[in-house]
Amino acid sequence: MSVRVITRRNSELAARSAFDLARQRHGKKRVTAIHKNTVFKLSCGLFVEACRHVSKEYPDITFDTAVVDTFAMNLVMRPQNYDVVVTTNMFGDILTDEAAGLVGGLGMAPGLCVGPRYIMAQATHGSAPDIAGKNIANPYAMIMSGKMMIEWLGMRHQDKSMLACAGDIDKAVHHVIDEIKDVTPDLGGSASTEQMGGAICHKLSMQ
């Protein structure tokens, strides 16, 4: 027997994180809750109900829901239709890898674990033991995970200098990717991890 635990408290915490993030973004300002309440009527039903309840506190954000299998197909076909997505752990673990594949692989997937009081920044790819010591790992996910942490702290403490720092990191990273010449093999370049990281630091120092 396998027991799946979904609580109203944690569902509402996840939903608030999603809506707060949507408010910070310049995109569609939309939150989509992913579920499978056609099968998991109690657990997914509770999760969607909690998200819908929280959505009433954010009238400026559009809220909708999607069944996980339909969403998985639409994420491949029309990813531009979505902004912030909130879901439970198992669905999120699968869908984030699918989304990473759309933008170049796990090296392009930063992560931030957010709790009520603490956060932890980590790249979703883990330690990548298959390429350990080869100096070819894409540093994007690690750098952007740190950027997301700084941004979260800036929002929490209303610190404009931290928000500016996060913005500078974002610009530096994307300048290097746009120029192509200093990117790792997974992005079509020939640079090492150290070279790509150095190029990002150089761009950052010029801002």
N, C-alpha and C. Protein backbone atom coordinates (compact mmCIF):
# COMPACT_ATOMS: atom_id res chain seq x y z
N MET A 1 0.84 -1.19 0.00
CA MET A 1 0.00 0.00 0.00
C MET A 1 0.88 1.25 0.00
N SER A 2 0.56 2.17 -0.87
CA SER A 2 1.29 3.44 -0.94
C SER A 2 0.33 4.56 -0.60
N VAL A 3 0.73 5.41 0.34
CA VAL A 3 -0.14 6.49 0.79
C VAL A 3 0.39 7.82 0.27
N ARG A 4 -0.45 8.61 -0.35
CA ARG A 4 -0.09 9.93 -0.87
C ARG A 4 -0.70 10.98 0.05
N VAL A 5 0.16 11.78 0.66
CA VAL A 5 -0.31 12.77 1.62
C VAL A 5 -0.32 14.15 0.99
N ILE A 6 -1.51 14.74 0.89
CA ILE A 6 -1.68 16.10 0.41
C ILE A 6 -2.43 16.87 1.49
N THR A 7 -1.84 17.96 1.98
CA THR A 7 -2.50 18.72 3.04
C THR A 7 -2.95 20.08 2.52
N ARG A 8 -4.00 20.61 3.14
CA ARG A 8 -4.50 21.93 2.74
C ARG A 8 -3.45 23.01 3.03
N ARG A 9 -2.78 22.91 4.20
CA ARG A 9 -1.78 23.91 4.58
C ARG A 9 -0.67 24.00 3.54
N ASN A 10 -0.07 22.87 3.19
CA ASN A 10 1.05 22.90 2.25
C ASN A 10 0.59 23.24 0.84
N SER A 11 -0.61 22.84 0.48
CA SER A 11 -1.14 23.20 -0.84
C SER A 11 -1.30 24.71 -0.94
N GLU A 12 -1.80 25.33 0.14
CA GLU A 12 -1.97 26.78 0.13
C GLU A 12 -0.62 27.50 0.13
N LEU A 13 0.38 26.95 0.84
CA LEU A 13 1.72 27.55 0.82
C LEU A 13 2.30 27.52 -0.59
N ALA A 14 2.16 26.38 -1.27
CA ALA A 14 2.67 26.26 -2.64
C ALA A 14 1.93 27.22 -3.56
N ALA A 15 0.63 27.32 -3.38
CA ALA A 15 -0.16 28.21 -4.23
C ALA A 15 0.25 29.67 -4.03
N ARG A 16 0.44 30.08 -2.78
CA ARG A 16 0.85 31.47 -2.53
C ARG A 16 2.21 31.78 -3.14
N SER A 17 3.12 30.82 -3.07
CA SER A 17 4.43 31.01 -3.70
C SER A 17 4.27 31.23 -5.20
N ALA A 18 3.35 30.47 -5.81
CA ALA A 18 3.12 30.59 -7.25
C ALA A 18 2.51 31.93 -7.60
N PHE A 19 1.53 32.37 -6.84
CA PHE A 19 0.89 33.65 -7.12
C PHE A 19 1.83 34.82 -6.86
N ASP A 20 2.64 34.73 -5.80
CA ASP A 20 3.62 35.78 -5.54
C ASP A 20 4.63 35.87 -6.68
N LEU A 21 5.04 34.72 -7.19
CA LEU A 21 5.98 34.70 -8.32
C LEU A 21 5.35 35.32 -9.56
N ALA A 22 4.09 34.99 -9.81
CA ALA A 22 3.40 35.54 -10.98
C ALA A 22 3.34 37.07 -10.91
N ARG A 23 3.19 37.60 -9.71
CA ARG A 23 3.15 39.06 -9.54
C ARG A 23 4.48 39.72 -9.87
N GLN A 24 5.58 38.99 -9.65
CA GLN A 24 6.90 39.55 -9.90
C GLN A 24 7.26 39.55 -11.38
N ARG A 25 6.61 38.68 -12.15
CA ARG A 25 6.99 38.48 -13.54
C ARG A 25 6.34 39.51 -14.46
N HIS A 26 6.94 39.66 -15.64
CA HIS A 26 6.44 40.62 -16.61
C HIS A 26 5.64 39.94 -17.72
N GLY A 27 5.33 38.67 -17.52
CA GLY A 27 4.64 37.92 -18.56
C GLY A 27 3.13 38.03 -18.46
N LYS A 28 2.48 36.88 -18.58
CA LYS A 28 1.02 36.85 -18.64
C LYS A 28 0.36 37.04 -17.27
N LYS A 29 1.14 36.94 -16.19
CA LYS A 29 0.60 37.00 -14.83
C LYS A 29 -0.53 35.98 -14.69
N ARG A 30 -0.15 34.74 -14.92
CA ARG A 30 -1.12 33.65 -14.92
C ARG A 30 -0.56 32.48 -14.13
N VAL A 31 -1.41 31.85 -13.33
CA VAL A 31 -1.03 30.65 -12.59
C VAL A 31 -1.91 29.50 -13.04
N THR A 32 -1.27 28.38 -13.39
CA THR A 32 -2.00 27.17 -13.80
C THR A 32 -1.73 26.07 -12.80
N ALA A 33 -2.77 25.53 -12.20
CA ALA A 33 -2.64 24.42 -11.25
C ALA A 33 -2.81 23.10 -11.99
N ILE A 34 -1.82 22.22 -11.86
CA ILE A 34 -1.83 20.93 -12.56
C ILE A 34 -2.27 19.83 -11.59
N HIS A 35 -3.15 18.97 -12.05
CA HIS A 35 -3.74 17.96 -11.17
C HIS A 35 -4.16 16.72 -11.97
N LYS A 36 -4.71 15.75 -11.25
CA LYS A 36 -5.33 14.58 -11.87
C LYS A 36 -6.54 14.19 -11.02
N ASN A 37 -7.42 15.17 -10.80
CA ASN A 37 -8.55 14.89 -9.92
C ASN A 37 -9.62 14.03 -10.56
N THR A 38 -9.42 13.68 -11.83
CA THR A 38 -10.30 12.69 -12.45
C THR A 38 -10.06 11.30 -11.87
N VAL A 39 -8.86 11.09 -11.30
CA VAL A 39 -8.51 9.81 -10.68
C VAL A 39 -8.30 9.99 -9.18
N PHE A 40 -7.43 10.93 -8.81
CA PHE A 40 -7.15 11.19 -7.39
C PHE A 40 -8.12 12.26 -6.88
N LYS A 41 -9.35 11.85 -6.70
CA LYS A 41 -10.41 12.81 -6.41
C LYS A 41 -10.21 13.52 -5.07
N LEU A 42 -9.69 12.82 -4.08
CA LEU A 42 -9.51 13.44 -2.76
C LEU A 42 -8.24 14.28 -2.69
N SER A 43 -7.10 13.67 -3.05
CA SER A 43 -5.82 14.39 -2.90
C SER A 43 -5.69 15.54 -3.90
N CYS A 44 -5.87 15.26 -5.19
CA CYS A 44 -5.78 16.32 -6.19
C CYS A 44 -6.96 17.28 -6.07
N GLY A 45 -8.10 16.74 -5.66
CA GLY A 45 -9.26 17.60 -5.45
C GLY A 45 -8.99 18.63 -4.37
N LEU A 46 -8.36 18.20 -3.28
CA LEU A 46 -8.00 19.11 -2.19
C LEU A 46 -6.99 20.15 -2.67
N PHE A 47 -6.00 19.70 -3.44
CA PHE A 47 -4.96 20.61 -3.94
C PHE A 47 -5.57 21.71 -4.80
N VAL A 48 -6.42 21.34 -5.75
CA VAL A 48 -7.04 22.33 -6.63
C VAL A 48 -7.94 23.27 -5.84
N GLU A 49 -8.68 22.72 -4.89
CA GLU A 49 -9.55 23.54 -4.05
C GLU A 49 -8.74 24.57 -3.28
N ALA A 50 -7.59 24.16 -2.74
CA ALA A 50 -6.73 25.08 -1.99
C ALA A 50 -6.18 26.17 -2.91
N CYS A 51 -5.75 25.80 -4.12
CA CYS A 51 -5.24 26.79 -5.08
C CYS A 51 -6.33 27.78 -5.47
N ARG A 52 -7.52 27.29 -5.69
CA ARG A 52 -8.63 28.17 -6.06
C ARG A 52 -8.97 29.14 -4.92
N HIS A 53 -8.90 28.64 -3.69
CA HIS A 53 -9.15 29.48 -2.53
C HIS A 53 -8.12 30.61 -2.44
N VAL A 54 -6.85 30.28 -2.63
CA VAL A 54 -5.79 31.28 -2.57
C VAL A 54 -5.91 32.27 -3.73
N SER A 55 -6.36 31.82 -4.88
CA SER A 55 -6.46 32.69 -6.06
C SER A 55 -7.37 33.90 -5.81
N LYS A 56 -8.32 33.77 -4.88
CA LYS A 56 -9.22 34.88 -4.58
C LYS A 56 -8.50 36.05 -3.92
N GLU A 57 -7.31 35.77 -3.35
CA GLU A 57 -6.52 36.83 -2.73
C GLU A 57 -5.69 37.59 -3.76
N TYR A 58 -5.69 37.11 -5.01
CA TYR A 58 -4.86 37.69 -6.07
C TYR A 58 -5.74 38.01 -7.29
N PRO A 59 -6.61 38.99 -7.19
CA PRO A 59 -7.51 39.29 -8.31
C PRO A 59 -6.80 39.75 -9.57
N ASP A 60 -5.55 40.19 -9.43
CA ASP A 60 -4.79 40.66 -10.59
C ASP A 60 -4.12 39.53 -11.36
N ILE A 61 -4.22 38.30 -10.84
CA ILE A 61 -3.58 37.15 -11.50
C ILE A 61 -4.65 36.22 -12.06
N THR A 62 -4.50 35.83 -13.32
CA THR A 62 -5.42 34.86 -13.93
C THR A 62 -5.12 33.47 -13.41
N PHE A 63 -6.15 32.74 -13.03
CA PHE A 63 -5.97 31.38 -12.51
C PHE A 63 -6.76 30.39 -13.35
N ASP A 64 -6.10 29.27 -13.69
CA ASP A 64 -6.80 28.18 -14.36
C ASP A 64 -6.19 26.86 -13.93
N THR A 65 -6.79 25.77 -14.35
CA THR A 65 -6.32 24.43 -13.99
C THR A 65 -6.19 23.58 -15.24
N ALA A 66 -5.40 22.49 -15.13
CA ALA A 66 -5.24 21.57 -16.25
C ALA A 66 -4.95 20.17 -15.72
N VAL A 67 -5.51 19.18 -16.38
CA VAL A 67 -5.21 17.78 -16.05
C VAL A 67 -3.79 17.48 -16.52
N VAL A 68 -3.03 16.76 -15.72
CA VAL A 68 -1.59 16.61 -15.94
C VAL A 68 -1.24 16.02 -17.30
N ASP A 69 -1.98 15.02 -17.79
CA ASP A 69 -1.61 14.42 -19.07
C ASP A 69 -1.88 15.37 -20.23
N THR A 70 -2.97 16.11 -20.17
CA THR A 70 -3.25 17.11 -21.20
C THR A 70 -2.21 18.22 -21.16
N PHE A 71 -1.85 18.64 -19.96
CA PHE A 71 -0.84 19.69 -19.81
C PHE A 71 0.50 19.23 -20.37
N ALA A 72 0.89 17.96 -20.12
CA ALA A 72 2.17 17.44 -20.62
C ALA A 72 2.24 17.56 -22.14
N MET A 73 1.12 17.25 -22.82
CA MET A 73 1.08 17.38 -24.27
C MET A 73 1.17 18.85 -24.69
N ASN A 74 0.38 19.70 -24.03
CA ASN A 74 0.37 21.12 -24.40
C ASN A 74 1.69 21.81 -24.10
N LEU A 75 2.42 21.33 -23.09
CA LEU A 75 3.72 21.91 -22.76
C LEU A 75 4.70 21.73 -23.91
N VAL A 76 4.60 20.62 -24.62
CA VAL A 76 5.46 20.37 -25.77
C VAL A 76 5.00 21.18 -26.98
N MET A 77 3.69 21.23 -27.18
CA MET A 77 3.15 21.86 -28.38
C MET A 77 3.04 23.38 -28.28
N ARG A 78 2.66 23.89 -27.08
CA ARG A 78 2.42 25.33 -26.93
C ARG A 78 2.92 25.82 -25.57
N PRO A 79 4.21 25.71 -25.30
CA PRO A 79 4.73 26.14 -23.99
C PRO A 79 4.53 27.62 -23.72
N GLN A 80 4.46 28.41 -24.79
CA GLN A 80 4.31 29.86 -24.64
C GLN A 80 2.96 30.25 -24.05
N ASN A 81 2.03 29.32 -23.96
CA ASN A 81 0.71 29.62 -23.41
C ASN A 81 0.71 29.70 -21.88
N TYR A 82 1.81 29.27 -21.26
CA TYR A 82 1.83 29.18 -19.80
C TYR A 82 2.82 30.19 -19.20
N ASP A 83 2.58 30.50 -17.93
CA ASP A 83 3.46 31.42 -17.22
C ASP A 83 3.99 30.70 -15.97
N VAL A 84 3.27 30.77 -14.85
CA VAL A 84 3.67 30.06 -13.63
C VAL A 84 2.79 28.83 -13.46
N VAL A 85 3.44 27.71 -13.19
CA VAL A 85 2.73 26.44 -13.02
C VAL A 85 2.93 25.95 -11.60
N VAL A 86 1.87 25.51 -10.95
CA VAL A 86 1.97 24.97 -9.59
C VAL A 86 1.34 23.58 -9.57
N THR A 87 2.02 22.64 -8.91
CA THR A 87 1.51 21.28 -8.86
C THR A 87 2.11 20.54 -7.67
N THR A 88 1.73 19.30 -7.51
CA THR A 88 2.24 18.48 -6.41
C THR A 88 3.58 17.87 -6.80
N ASN A 89 4.24 17.25 -5.82
CA ASN A 89 5.64 16.85 -5.98
C ASN A 89 5.89 15.90 -7.16
N MET A 90 5.12 14.82 -7.26
CA MET A 90 5.39 13.82 -8.30
C MET A 90 5.19 14.40 -9.70
N PHE A 91 4.06 15.08 -9.90
CA PHE A 91 3.81 15.68 -11.21
C PHE A 91 4.87 16.74 -11.52
N GLY A 92 5.24 17.52 -10.51
CA GLY A 92 6.23 18.56 -10.71
C GLY A 92 7.59 18.00 -11.09
N ASP A 93 7.97 16.89 -10.47
CA ASP A 93 9.25 16.27 -10.75
C ASP A 93 9.33 15.82 -12.21
N ILE A 94 8.24 15.28 -12.71
CA ILE A 94 8.20 14.81 -14.11
C ILE A 94 8.14 15.98 -15.08
N LEU A 95 7.25 16.93 -14.82
CA LEU A 95 7.03 18.03 -15.77
C LEU A 95 8.22 18.98 -15.85
N THR A 96 8.97 19.15 -14.74
CA THR A 96 10.13 20.04 -14.81
C THR A 96 11.22 19.44 -15.71
N ASP A 97 11.37 18.13 -15.71
CA ASP A 97 12.33 17.51 -16.63
C ASP A 97 11.87 17.66 -18.08
N GLU A 98 10.57 17.55 -18.31
CA GLU A 98 10.04 17.76 -19.66
C GLU A 98 10.30 19.19 -20.11
N ALA A 99 10.04 20.15 -19.22
CA ALA A 99 10.26 21.55 -19.55
C ALA A 99 11.75 21.83 -19.79
N ALA A 100 12.62 21.19 -18.99
CA ALA A 100 14.06 21.37 -19.19
C ALA A 100 14.48 20.88 -20.57
N GLY A 101 13.90 19.77 -21.01
CA GLY A 101 14.21 19.24 -22.34
C GLY A 101 13.85 20.21 -23.45
N LEU A 102 12.82 21.01 -23.22
CA LEU A 102 12.40 21.98 -24.23
C LEU A 102 13.38 23.13 -24.40
N VAL A 103 14.16 23.42 -23.35
CA VAL A 103 15.05 24.59 -23.41
C VAL A 103 16.52 24.22 -23.43
N GLY A 104 16.84 22.93 -23.62
CA GLY A 104 18.24 22.55 -23.77
C GLY A 104 18.76 21.52 -22.80
N GLY A 105 17.93 21.00 -21.91
CA GLY A 105 18.38 19.96 -20.99
C GLY A 105 18.42 20.44 -19.55
N LEU A 106 18.80 19.52 -18.65
CA LEU A 106 18.79 19.83 -17.22
C LEU A 106 19.79 20.91 -16.83
N GLY A 107 20.80 21.14 -17.66
CA GLY A 107 21.75 22.21 -17.38
C GLY A 107 21.12 23.59 -17.47
N MET A 108 19.91 23.64 -18.03
CA MET A 108 19.19 24.91 -18.16
C MET A 108 18.04 25.01 -17.18
N ALA A 109 18.06 24.18 -16.12
CA ALA A 109 16.93 24.13 -15.19
C ALA A 109 17.36 24.47 -13.77
N PRO A 110 17.32 25.74 -13.38
CA PRO A 110 17.62 26.11 -12.01
C PRO A 110 16.49 25.71 -11.08
N GLY A 111 16.74 25.70 -9.78
CA GLY A 111 15.70 25.33 -8.83
C GLY A 111 15.82 26.11 -7.53
N LEU A 112 14.69 26.31 -6.88
CA LEU A 112 14.65 26.99 -5.60
C LEU A 112 13.60 26.31 -4.73
N CYS A 113 14.04 25.75 -3.61
CA CYS A 113 13.12 25.13 -2.65
C CYS A 113 12.73 26.19 -1.63
N VAL A 114 11.45 26.52 -1.59
CA VAL A 114 10.97 27.64 -0.77
C VAL A 114 10.07 27.14 0.35
N GLY A 115 10.38 27.52 1.58
CA GLY A 115 9.53 27.22 2.72
C GLY A 115 9.02 28.50 3.35
N PRO A 116 8.25 28.40 4.41
CA PRO A 116 7.72 29.61 5.06
C PRO A 116 8.81 30.54 5.58
N ARG A 117 9.95 29.98 6.01
CA ARG A 117 11.01 30.80 6.61
C ARG A 117 12.35 30.67 5.90
N TYR A 118 12.59 29.54 5.26
CA TYR A 118 13.91 29.29 4.67
C TYR A 118 13.78 28.89 3.20
N ILE A 119 14.87 29.09 2.47
CA ILE A 119 14.93 28.64 1.08
C ILE A 119 16.26 27.92 0.84
N MET A 120 16.28 27.08 -0.19
CA MET A 120 17.51 26.42 -0.59
C MET A 120 17.60 26.44 -2.11
N ALA A 121 18.67 27.01 -2.62
CA ALA A 121 18.89 27.06 -4.07
C ALA A 121 19.65 25.82 -4.50
N GLN A 122 19.17 25.18 -5.55
CA GLN A 122 19.88 24.01 -6.07
C GLN A 122 19.49 23.78 -7.54
N ALA A 123 20.47 23.40 -8.33
CA ALA A 123 20.19 23.04 -9.72
C ALA A 123 19.44 21.70 -9.73
N THR A 124 18.49 21.55 -10.62
CA THR A 124 17.68 20.32 -10.63
C THR A 124 18.45 19.11 -11.13
N HIS A 125 19.62 19.33 -11.77
CA HIS A 125 20.35 18.19 -12.34
C HIS A 125 21.14 17.40 -11.31
N GLY A 126 21.26 17.88 -10.08
CA GLY A 126 22.03 17.15 -9.08
C GLY A 126 23.52 17.22 -9.36
N SER A 127 24.25 16.17 -8.97
CA SER A 127 25.71 16.20 -9.08
C SER A 127 26.24 15.74 -10.43
N ALA A 128 25.38 15.22 -11.31
CA ALA A 128 25.77 14.78 -12.67
C ALA A 128 27.05 13.94 -12.65
N PRO A 129 27.06 12.79 -11.97
CA PRO A 129 28.29 11.99 -11.84
C PRO A 129 28.85 11.48 -13.16
N ASP A 130 28.01 11.39 -14.20
CA ASP A 130 28.49 10.89 -15.50
C ASP A 130 29.48 11.84 -16.17
N ILE A 131 29.45 13.12 -15.78
CA ILE A 131 30.40 14.07 -16.39
C ILE A 131 31.28 14.73 -15.32
N ALA A 132 31.32 14.14 -14.14
CA ALA A 132 32.11 14.71 -13.05
C ALA A 132 33.59 14.80 -13.44
N GLY A 133 34.23 15.92 -13.17
CA GLY A 133 35.65 16.10 -13.43
C GLY A 133 36.01 16.41 -14.87
N LYS A 134 35.03 16.48 -15.77
CA LYS A 134 35.32 16.73 -17.19
C LYS A 134 35.30 18.22 -17.55
N ASN A 135 34.85 19.06 -16.63
CA ASN A 135 34.82 20.50 -16.87
C ASN A 135 33.96 20.88 -18.07
N ILE A 136 32.86 20.14 -18.27
CA ILE A 136 31.97 20.44 -19.39
C ILE A 136 30.54 20.71 -18.94
N ALA A 137 30.27 20.66 -17.63
CA ALA A 137 28.92 20.88 -17.13
C ALA A 137 28.48 22.32 -17.38
N ASN A 138 27.27 22.49 -17.80
CA ASN A 138 26.70 23.81 -18.03
C ASN A 138 26.46 24.48 -16.67
N PRO A 139 27.08 25.63 -16.40
CA PRO A 139 26.91 26.29 -15.09
C PRO A 139 25.64 27.11 -14.97
N TYR A 140 24.87 27.19 -16.04
CA TYR A 140 23.67 28.04 -16.06
C TYR A 140 22.74 27.74 -14.88
N ALA A 141 22.40 26.46 -14.68
CA ALA A 141 21.42 26.11 -13.65
C ALA A 141 21.89 26.50 -12.25
N MET A 142 23.18 26.29 -11.97
CA MET A 142 23.70 26.64 -10.65
C MET A 142 23.69 28.16 -10.44
N ILE A 143 24.14 28.89 -11.46
CA ILE A 143 24.21 30.35 -11.34
C ILE A 143 22.81 30.94 -11.20
N MET A 144 21.88 30.45 -12.02
CA MET A 144 20.53 31.00 -11.97
C MET A 144 19.77 30.58 -10.72
N SER A 145 20.13 29.45 -10.13
CA SER A 145 19.55 29.06 -8.85
C SER A 145 19.94 30.09 -7.78
N GLY A 146 21.21 30.48 -7.80
CA GLY A 146 21.68 31.51 -6.88
C GLY A 146 21.01 32.84 -7.14
N LYS A 147 20.82 33.17 -8.40
CA LYS A 147 20.13 34.41 -8.78
C LYS A 147 18.70 34.41 -8.23
N MET A 148 18.02 33.27 -8.35
CA MET A 148 16.65 33.17 -7.84
C MET A 148 16.61 33.34 -6.32
N MET A 149 17.62 32.81 -5.63
CA MET A 149 17.69 32.96 -4.18
C MET A 149 17.87 34.43 -3.79
N ILE A 150 18.76 35.12 -4.48
CA ILE A 150 18.98 36.54 -4.21
C ILE A 150 17.71 37.34 -4.47
N GLU A 151 17.03 36.99 -5.56
CA GLU A 151 15.79 37.68 -5.92
C GLU A 151 14.71 37.46 -4.85
N TRP A 152 14.60 36.21 -4.36
CA TRP A 152 13.61 35.89 -3.33
C TRP A 152 13.91 36.67 -2.05
N LEU A 153 15.18 36.72 -1.67
CA LEU A 153 15.57 37.46 -0.47
C LEU A 153 15.30 38.95 -0.64
N GLY A 154 15.55 39.46 -1.85
CA GLY A 154 15.28 40.86 -2.12
C GLY A 154 13.81 41.20 -1.99
N MET A 155 12.95 40.31 -2.49
CA MET A 155 11.51 40.52 -2.38
C MET A 155 11.07 40.42 -0.93
N ARG A 156 11.60 39.45 -0.21
CA ARG A 156 11.18 39.23 1.17
C ARG A 156 11.55 40.41 2.08
N HIS A 157 12.73 40.96 1.83
CA HIS A 157 13.22 42.04 2.69
C HIS A 157 13.07 43.43 2.04
N GLN A 158 12.41 43.46 0.87
CA GLN A 158 12.22 44.72 0.15
C GLN A 158 13.56 45.45 -0.03
N ASP A 159 14.56 44.68 -0.45
CA ASP A 159 15.92 45.20 -0.62
C ASP A 159 16.17 45.43 -2.12
N LYS A 160 16.16 46.68 -2.52
CA LYS A 160 16.32 47.01 -3.94
C LYS A 160 17.70 46.64 -4.48
N SER A 161 18.72 46.69 -3.62
CA SER A 161 20.07 46.35 -4.08
C SER A 161 20.17 44.87 -4.43
N MET A 162 19.49 44.02 -3.67
CA MET A 162 19.50 42.59 -3.97
C MET A 162 18.72 42.31 -5.26
N LEU A 163 17.62 42.99 -5.45
CA LEU A 163 16.84 42.82 -6.67
C LEU A 163 17.65 43.29 -7.89
N ALA A 164 18.38 44.37 -7.72
CA ALA A 164 19.23 44.87 -8.82
C ALA A 164 20.34 43.87 -9.11
N CYS A 165 20.91 43.29 -8.07
CA CYS A 165 21.97 42.28 -8.24
C CYS A 165 21.44 41.09 -9.03
N ALA A 166 20.24 40.61 -8.67
CA ALA A 166 19.64 39.48 -9.38
C ALA A 166 19.41 39.82 -10.85
N GLY A 167 18.97 41.04 -11.10
CA GLY A 167 18.76 41.48 -12.48
C GLY A 167 20.05 41.54 -13.27
N ASP A 168 21.14 41.98 -12.63
CA ASP A 168 22.44 42.04 -13.29
C ASP A 168 22.94 40.65 -13.66
N ILE A 169 22.77 39.70 -12.73
CA ILE A 169 23.18 38.32 -13.01
C ILE A 169 22.40 37.77 -14.19
N ASP A 170 21.11 38.01 -14.21
CA ASP A 170 20.25 37.53 -15.30
C ASP A 170 20.72 38.08 -16.65
N LYS A 171 21.01 39.37 -16.69
CA LYS A 171 21.45 39.99 -17.94
C LYS A 171 22.80 39.43 -18.39
N ALA A 172 23.73 39.25 -17.45
CA ALA A 172 25.06 38.75 -17.79
C ALA A 172 24.99 37.34 -18.36
N VAL A 173 24.21 36.50 -17.72
CA VAL A 173 24.07 35.11 -18.18
C VAL A 173 23.48 35.06 -19.58
N HIS A 174 22.45 35.83 -19.81
CA HIS A 174 21.79 35.76 -21.11
C HIS A 174 22.59 36.44 -22.21
N HIS A 175 23.43 37.41 -21.86
CA HIS A 175 24.34 37.98 -22.86
C HIS A 175 25.31 36.91 -23.36
N VAL A 176 25.85 36.12 -22.44
CA VAL A 176 26.80 35.07 -22.82
C VAL A 176 26.12 34.01 -23.69
N ILE A 177 24.91 33.63 -23.33
CA ILE A 177 24.18 32.63 -24.11
C ILE A 177 23.85 33.17 -25.50
N ASP A 178 23.43 34.42 -25.56
CA ASP A 178 23.08 35.03 -26.85
C ASP A 178 24.29 35.10 -27.79
N GLU A 179 25.48 35.34 -27.23
CA GLU A 179 26.69 35.45 -28.05
C GLU A 179 27.22 34.10 -28.52
N ILE A 180 26.84 33.02 -27.85
CA ILE A 180 27.13 31.63 -28.22
C ILE A 180 28.59 31.21 -28.04
N LYS A 181 29.54 32.09 -28.26
CA LYS A 181 30.94 31.68 -28.35
C LYS A 181 31.51 31.09 -27.05
N ASP A 182 30.95 31.44 -25.90
CA ASP A 182 31.48 30.96 -24.63
C ASP A 182 30.48 30.07 -23.89
N VAL A 183 29.85 29.16 -24.62
CA VAL A 183 28.88 28.26 -23.99
C VAL A 183 29.38 26.81 -24.06
N THR A 184 28.87 25.99 -23.18
CA THR A 184 29.29 24.58 -23.07
C THR A 184 28.72 23.72 -24.19
N PRO A 185 29.27 22.50 -24.37
CA PRO A 185 28.86 21.64 -25.49
C PRO A 185 27.37 21.35 -25.58
N ASP A 186 26.67 21.26 -24.45
CA ASP A 186 25.23 20.97 -24.50
C ASP A 186 24.44 22.10 -25.15
N LEU A 187 25.04 23.29 -25.23
CA LEU A 187 24.39 24.44 -25.87
C LEU A 187 24.95 24.70 -27.27
N GLY A 188 25.75 23.75 -27.76
CA GLY A 188 26.29 23.88 -29.11
C GLY A 188 27.64 24.56 -29.18
N GLY A 189 28.26 24.85 -28.03
CA GLY A 189 29.56 25.50 -28.01
C GLY A 189 30.68 24.53 -27.68
N SER A 190 31.85 25.06 -27.41
CA SER A 190 33.01 24.22 -27.07
C SER A 190 33.71 24.71 -25.81
N ALA A 191 33.09 25.63 -25.10
CA ALA A 191 33.70 26.19 -23.88
C ALA A 191 33.59 25.20 -22.72
N SER A 192 34.51 25.31 -21.79
CA SER A 192 34.46 24.50 -20.57
C SER A 192 33.52 25.18 -19.56
N THR A 193 33.23 24.46 -18.49
CA THR A 193 32.44 25.04 -17.41
C THR A 193 33.12 26.32 -16.90
N GLU A 194 34.43 26.22 -16.70
CA GLU A 194 35.20 27.35 -16.18
C GLU A 194 35.17 28.54 -17.14
N GLN A 195 35.28 28.26 -18.44
CA GLN A 195 35.28 29.35 -19.42
C GLN A 195 33.93 30.05 -19.49
N MET A 196 32.85 29.27 -19.46
CA MET A 196 31.52 29.88 -19.50
C MET A 196 31.26 30.68 -18.23
N GLY A 197 31.65 30.13 -17.10
CA GLY A 197 31.49 30.86 -15.84
C GLY A 197 32.31 32.14 -15.83
N GLY A 198 33.53 32.07 -16.37
CA GLY A 198 34.39 33.25 -16.45
C GLY A 198 33.80 34.32 -17.35
N ALA A 199 33.20 33.89 -18.46
CA ALA A 199 32.59 34.84 -19.39
C ALA A 199 31.41 35.55 -18.73
N ILE A 200 30.64 34.82 -17.94
CA ILE A 200 29.51 35.42 -17.23
C ILE A 200 30.01 36.42 -16.20
N CYS A 201 31.06 36.05 -15.46
CA CYS A 201 31.64 36.97 -14.48
C CYS A 201 32.16 38.24 -15.15
N HIS A 202 32.77 38.09 -16.33
CA HIS A 202 33.28 39.25 -17.05
C HIS A 202 32.15 40.18 -17.46
N LYS A 203 31.04 39.61 -17.98
CA LYS A 203 29.89 40.43 -18.35
C LYS A 203 29.31 41.14 -17.12
N LEU A 204 29.29 40.43 -16.02
CA LEU A 204 28.76 40.99 -14.79
C LEU A 204 29.59 42.17 -14.30
N SER A 205 30.91 42.04 -14.45
CA SER A 205 31.80 43.11 -13.99
C SER A 205 31.69 44.36 -14.84
N MET A 206 31.17 44.22 -16.06
CA MET A 206 31.04 45.36 -16.96
C MET A 206 29.75 46.16 -16.74
N GLN A 207 28.85 45.63 -15.92
CA GLN A 207 27.56 46.31 -15.72
C GLN A 207 27.63 47.37 -14.63
